[in-house]
Amino acid sequence: MVLYYFIKTITLAIMSLFFGFNVNLLGNLPDEPCIFVANHKSILDPIALMDAIDRRVFFIASKDLYRMPILSLILNALETIPIKKNSADVSALKKAIKMLDDGRSIALFPEGGISLDKSVIKIYKGAMYLSCKTGCPIVPVGINGTDVVLPMGEYLPHAGRISVTIGKSIYPDVSMDKGDCLDKMAHEVLNSLNSLINNRDLK
């Protein structure tokens, strides 16, 4: 907990000072546990997402990141949930469900990795499964500018501005068939993410 807020305090100060970090909240966040999902264009995105959300969140991250010793120590200290890429990782999903049931919010990038596409083209349905299973809302988040400040494959930042727009909550229709619920939410989340990153319908 202490490490999380230490990292957040330091990175928020750096982001605000050097990159004009701006957060736009569309409506109020639910008091209940949420599943935050965001587009992913840079390794800066987890930091931008952490700094933008005014509550403690627990990330779901690729197991590949745990191969780096120092990063692995940090991820474990932050209680990040490791997940196998491009697979239905039942163990990771169970851990995420328990966190939500315990009243904790989680965050993930449903594209499954960094994407160079201008829009969100495809998302995995893990977040939708968690939402339909627990009844917790999905909160879409659009991140802009991180790919300019720190493009994929680079490690020295460029000048630029970073903005984060937190969209309106999307609730599961638990009365629907599970498959229909997943498909409906996936469609809504995809459309919402693209609206947020393209600055459409931001009223």
Protein backbone atom coordinates (compact mmCIF):
# COMPACT_ATOMS: atom_id res chain seq x y z
CA MET A 1 0.00 0.00 0.00
CA VAL A 2 2.77 2.45 0.98
CA LEU A 3 4.80 1.62 -2.15
CA TYR A 4 1.74 2.17 -4.36
CA TYR A 5 1.09 5.68 -3.05
CA PHE A 6 4.80 6.52 -3.02
CA ILE A 7 5.08 5.63 -6.72
CA LYS A 8 1.85 7.49 -7.47
CA THR A 9 2.98 10.65 -5.68
CA ILE A 10 6.34 10.74 -7.46
CA THR A 11 5.04 9.90 -10.93
CA LEU A 12 2.08 12.29 -10.67
CA ALA A 13 4.44 15.13 -9.81
CA ILE A 14 6.69 14.28 -12.78
CA MET A 15 3.77 13.85 -15.19
CA SER A 16 2.15 17.14 -14.13
CA LEU A 17 5.40 19.12 -14.18
CA PHE A 18 6.83 17.93 -17.50
CA PHE A 19 3.88 16.69 -19.56
CA GLY A 20 0.91 18.86 -18.59
CA PHE A 21 -0.91 15.83 -17.24
CA ASN A 22 -4.67 16.37 -17.49
CA VAL A 23 -7.53 14.21 -16.22
CA ASN A 24 -11.14 14.58 -17.39
CA LEU A 25 -13.81 12.71 -15.45
CA LEU A 26 -17.17 12.20 -17.18
CA GLY A 27 -19.62 11.81 -14.33
CA ASN A 28 -18.98 10.35 -10.90
CA LEU A 29 -17.20 7.09 -10.24
CA PRO A 30 -19.34 4.45 -8.53
CA ASP A 31 -18.59 3.85 -4.84
CA GLU A 32 -18.54 0.11 -5.50
CA PRO A 33 -15.50 -1.79 -6.84
CA CYS A 34 -14.82 -1.05 -10.51
CA ILE A 35 -13.02 -2.68 -13.40
CA PHE A 36 -10.99 0.03 -15.15
CA VAL A 37 -10.07 -0.71 -18.76
CA ALA A 38 -7.91 1.48 -20.99
CA ASN A 39 -6.32 1.63 -24.41
CA HIS A 40 -2.62 0.75 -24.53
CA LYS A 41 -0.07 2.58 -26.70
CA SER A 42 2.97 3.02 -24.44
CA ILE A 43 4.71 1.58 -21.40
CA LEU A 44 3.69 4.84 -19.70
CA ASP A 45 0.01 3.85 -19.77
CA PRO A 46 -0.06 1.97 -16.42
CA ILE A 47 1.48 5.00 -14.72
CA ALA A 48 -0.96 7.38 -16.43
CA LEU A 49 -3.88 5.18 -15.42
CA MET A 50 -2.67 4.85 -11.81
CA ASP A 51 -2.15 8.61 -11.51
CA ALA A 52 -5.54 9.46 -13.02
CA ILE A 53 -7.71 7.26 -10.80
CA ASP A 54 -8.49 8.64 -7.37
CA ARG A 55 -8.52 5.26 -5.64
CA ARG A 56 -6.26 2.28 -5.12
CA VAL A 57 -6.38 -0.10 -8.07
CA PHE A 58 -4.83 -3.52 -8.55
CA PHE A 59 -3.47 -4.21 -12.01
CA ILE A 60 -3.67 -7.37 -14.07
CA ALA A 61 -0.38 -7.70 -15.95
CA SER A 62 1.22 -10.14 -18.37
CA LYS A 63 3.32 -12.89 -16.82
CA ASP A 64 6.03 -11.97 -19.33
CA LEU A 65 6.77 -8.83 -17.28
CA TYR A 66 7.73 -10.98 -14.31
CA ARG A 67 10.79 -12.27 -16.18
CA MET A 68 12.61 -9.03 -15.30
CA PRO A 69 13.81 -9.43 -11.67
CA ILE A 70 13.49 -5.83 -10.50
CA LEU A 71 10.15 -5.30 -12.22
CA SER A 72 8.93 -8.61 -10.81
CA LEU A 73 9.71 -7.44 -7.27
CA ILE A 74 7.78 -4.20 -7.84
CA LEU A 75 4.79 -5.97 -9.40
CA ASN A 76 4.62 -8.44 -6.51
CA ALA A 77 4.90 -5.63 -3.97
CA LEU A 78 2.00 -3.86 -5.68
CA GLU A 79 -0.07 -7.09 -5.55
CA THR A 80 -0.41 -7.13 -9.32
CA ILE A 81 -2.20 -10.19 -10.72
CA PRO A 82 -0.07 -12.05 -13.31
CA ILE A 83 -1.96 -13.46 -16.30
CA LYS A 84 -0.96 -15.59 -19.28
CA LYS A 85 -1.26 -13.64 -22.51
CA ASN A 86 -3.78 -14.71 -25.15
CA SER A 87 -5.33 -17.40 -22.98
CA ALA A 88 -8.17 -17.99 -20.53
CA ASP A 89 -6.08 -17.92 -17.35
CA VAL A 90 -8.56 -19.32 -14.84
CA SER A 91 -6.26 -18.78 -11.86
CA ALA A 92 -5.81 -15.09 -12.65
CA LEU A 93 -9.53 -14.59 -13.19
CA LYS A 94 -10.31 -16.23 -9.84
CA LYS A 95 -7.87 -13.91 -8.07
CA ALA A 96 -9.44 -10.90 -9.78
CA ILE A 97 -12.94 -12.03 -8.80
CA LYS A 98 -11.85 -12.40 -5.18
CA MET A 99 -10.39 -8.91 -5.19
CA LEU A 100 -13.61 -7.47 -6.55
CA ASP A 101 -15.66 -9.45 -4.04
CA ASP A 102 -13.40 -8.06 -1.29
CA GLY A 103 -14.24 -4.51 -2.39
CA ARG A 104 -11.08 -3.73 -4.34
CA SER A 105 -10.97 -2.22 -7.83
CA ILE A 106 -8.84 -3.65 -10.62
CA ALA A 107 -7.36 -2.25 -13.83
CA LEU A 108 -6.30 -3.87 -17.08
CA PHE A 109 -5.61 -3.26 -20.76
CA PRO A 110 -8.08 -5.37 -22.78
CA GLU A 111 -6.09 -5.16 -26.02
CA GLY A 112 -3.68 -7.64 -24.42
CA GLY A 113 -0.59 -5.54 -25.09
CA ILE A 114 0.67 -2.33 -26.67
CA SER A 115 -1.06 -1.55 -29.96
CA LEU A 116 0.21 0.74 -32.73
CA ASP A 117 -3.28 1.17 -34.18
CA LYS A 118 -4.80 4.65 -33.90
CA SER A 119 -8.08 3.15 -32.66
CA VAL A 120 -8.88 0.16 -30.49
CA ILE A 121 -9.54 -2.62 -33.00
CA LYS A 122 -9.87 -5.73 -30.86
CA ILE A 123 -10.28 -6.43 -27.15
CA TYR A 124 -10.26 -9.60 -25.12
CA LYS A 125 -13.32 -10.35 -23.01
CA GLY A 126 -11.65 -10.97 -19.65
CA ALA A 127 -12.90 -7.68 -18.20
CA MET A 128 -16.41 -8.37 -19.45
CA TYR A 129 -16.32 -11.84 -17.90
CA LEU A 130 -15.33 -10.36 -14.54
CA SER A 131 -18.09 -7.77 -14.79
CA CYS A 132 -20.81 -10.25 -15.74
CA LYS A 133 -19.60 -12.64 -13.04
CA THR A 134 -19.47 -10.11 -10.19
CA GLY A 135 -21.91 -7.41 -11.28
CA CYS A 136 -19.17 -4.79 -10.95
CA PRO A 137 -19.20 -1.98 -13.53
CA ILE A 138 -16.56 -1.47 -16.18
CA VAL A 139 -15.13 2.04 -16.35
CA PRO A 140 -13.53 2.78 -19.76
CA VAL A 141 -10.51 5.10 -19.77
CA GLY A 142 -9.06 6.82 -22.81
CA ILE A 143 -5.35 7.68 -22.66
CA ASN A 144 -3.87 10.13 -25.15
CA GLY A 145 -0.32 11.38 -25.66
CA THR A 146 1.71 8.63 -24.02
CA ASP A 147 2.67 7.25 -27.43
CA VAL A 148 4.11 10.65 -28.32
CA VAL A 149 5.93 11.16 -25.02
CA LEU A 150 7.33 7.62 -24.95
CA PRO A 151 6.79 5.68 -28.19
CA MET A 152 7.02 1.91 -28.23
CA GLY A 153 10.63 0.73 -28.31
CA GLU A 154 12.04 3.96 -26.87
CA TYR A 155 13.17 4.68 -23.32
CA LEU A 156 13.90 8.42 -23.33
CA PRO A 157 10.80 10.65 -23.18
CA HIS A 158 9.93 13.33 -25.74
CA ALA A 159 8.09 16.60 -25.21
CA GLY A 160 4.34 16.22 -25.26
CA ARG A 161 1.10 16.39 -23.31
CA ILE A 162 -0.69 13.47 -21.70
CA SER A 163 -4.43 13.45 -21.09
CA VAL A 164 -6.66 10.83 -19.53
CA THR A 165 -10.44 10.76 -19.90
CA ILE A 166 -12.41 8.56 -17.52
CA GLY A 167 -15.67 7.58 -19.16
CA LYS A 168 -19.10 6.69 -17.88
CA SER A 169 -19.56 3.34 -16.15
CA ILE A 170 -20.89 0.38 -18.10
CA TYR A 171 -22.94 -2.09 -16.09
CA PRO A 172 -23.58 -5.73 -17.01
CA ASP A 173 -27.10 -6.92 -17.72
CA VAL A 174 -27.05 -9.92 -15.38
CA SER A 175 -30.47 -11.00 -16.62
CA MET A 176 -28.99 -11.86 -20.02
CA ASP A 177 -27.43 -15.12 -21.11
CA LYS A 178 -23.74 -15.14 -20.20
CA GLY A 179 -22.53 -15.17 -23.80
CA ASP A 180 -24.90 -12.36 -24.79
CA CYS A 181 -23.81 -10.33 -21.77
CA LEU A 182 -20.16 -10.69 -22.75
CA ASP A 183 -20.80 -9.72 -26.37
CA LYS A 184 -22.96 -6.72 -25.45
CA MET A 185 -20.44 -5.37 -22.98
CA ALA A 186 -17.50 -5.95 -25.33
CA HIS A 187 -19.30 -3.92 -28.01
CA GLU A 188 -20.08 -1.10 -25.56
CA VAL A 189 -16.55 -1.01 -24.13
CA LEU A 190 -14.92 -0.97 -27.58
CA ASN A 191 -17.14 1.89 -28.75
CA SER A 192 -16.60 3.82 -25.53
CA LEU A 193 -12.80 3.51 -25.64
CA ASN A 194 -12.70 4.75 -29.23
CA SER A 195 -14.96 7.67 -28.35
CA LEU A 196 -12.73 8.62 -25.44
CA ILE A 197 -9.43 8.48 -27.29
CA ASN A 198 -10.86 10.31 -30.29
CA ASN A 199 -12.56 12.93 -28.11
CA ARG A 200 -16.05 12.15 -29.31
CA ASP A 201 -19.24 12.27 -27.22
CA LEU A 202 -17.45 13.76 -24.22
CA LYS A 203 -20.50 15.41 -22.69
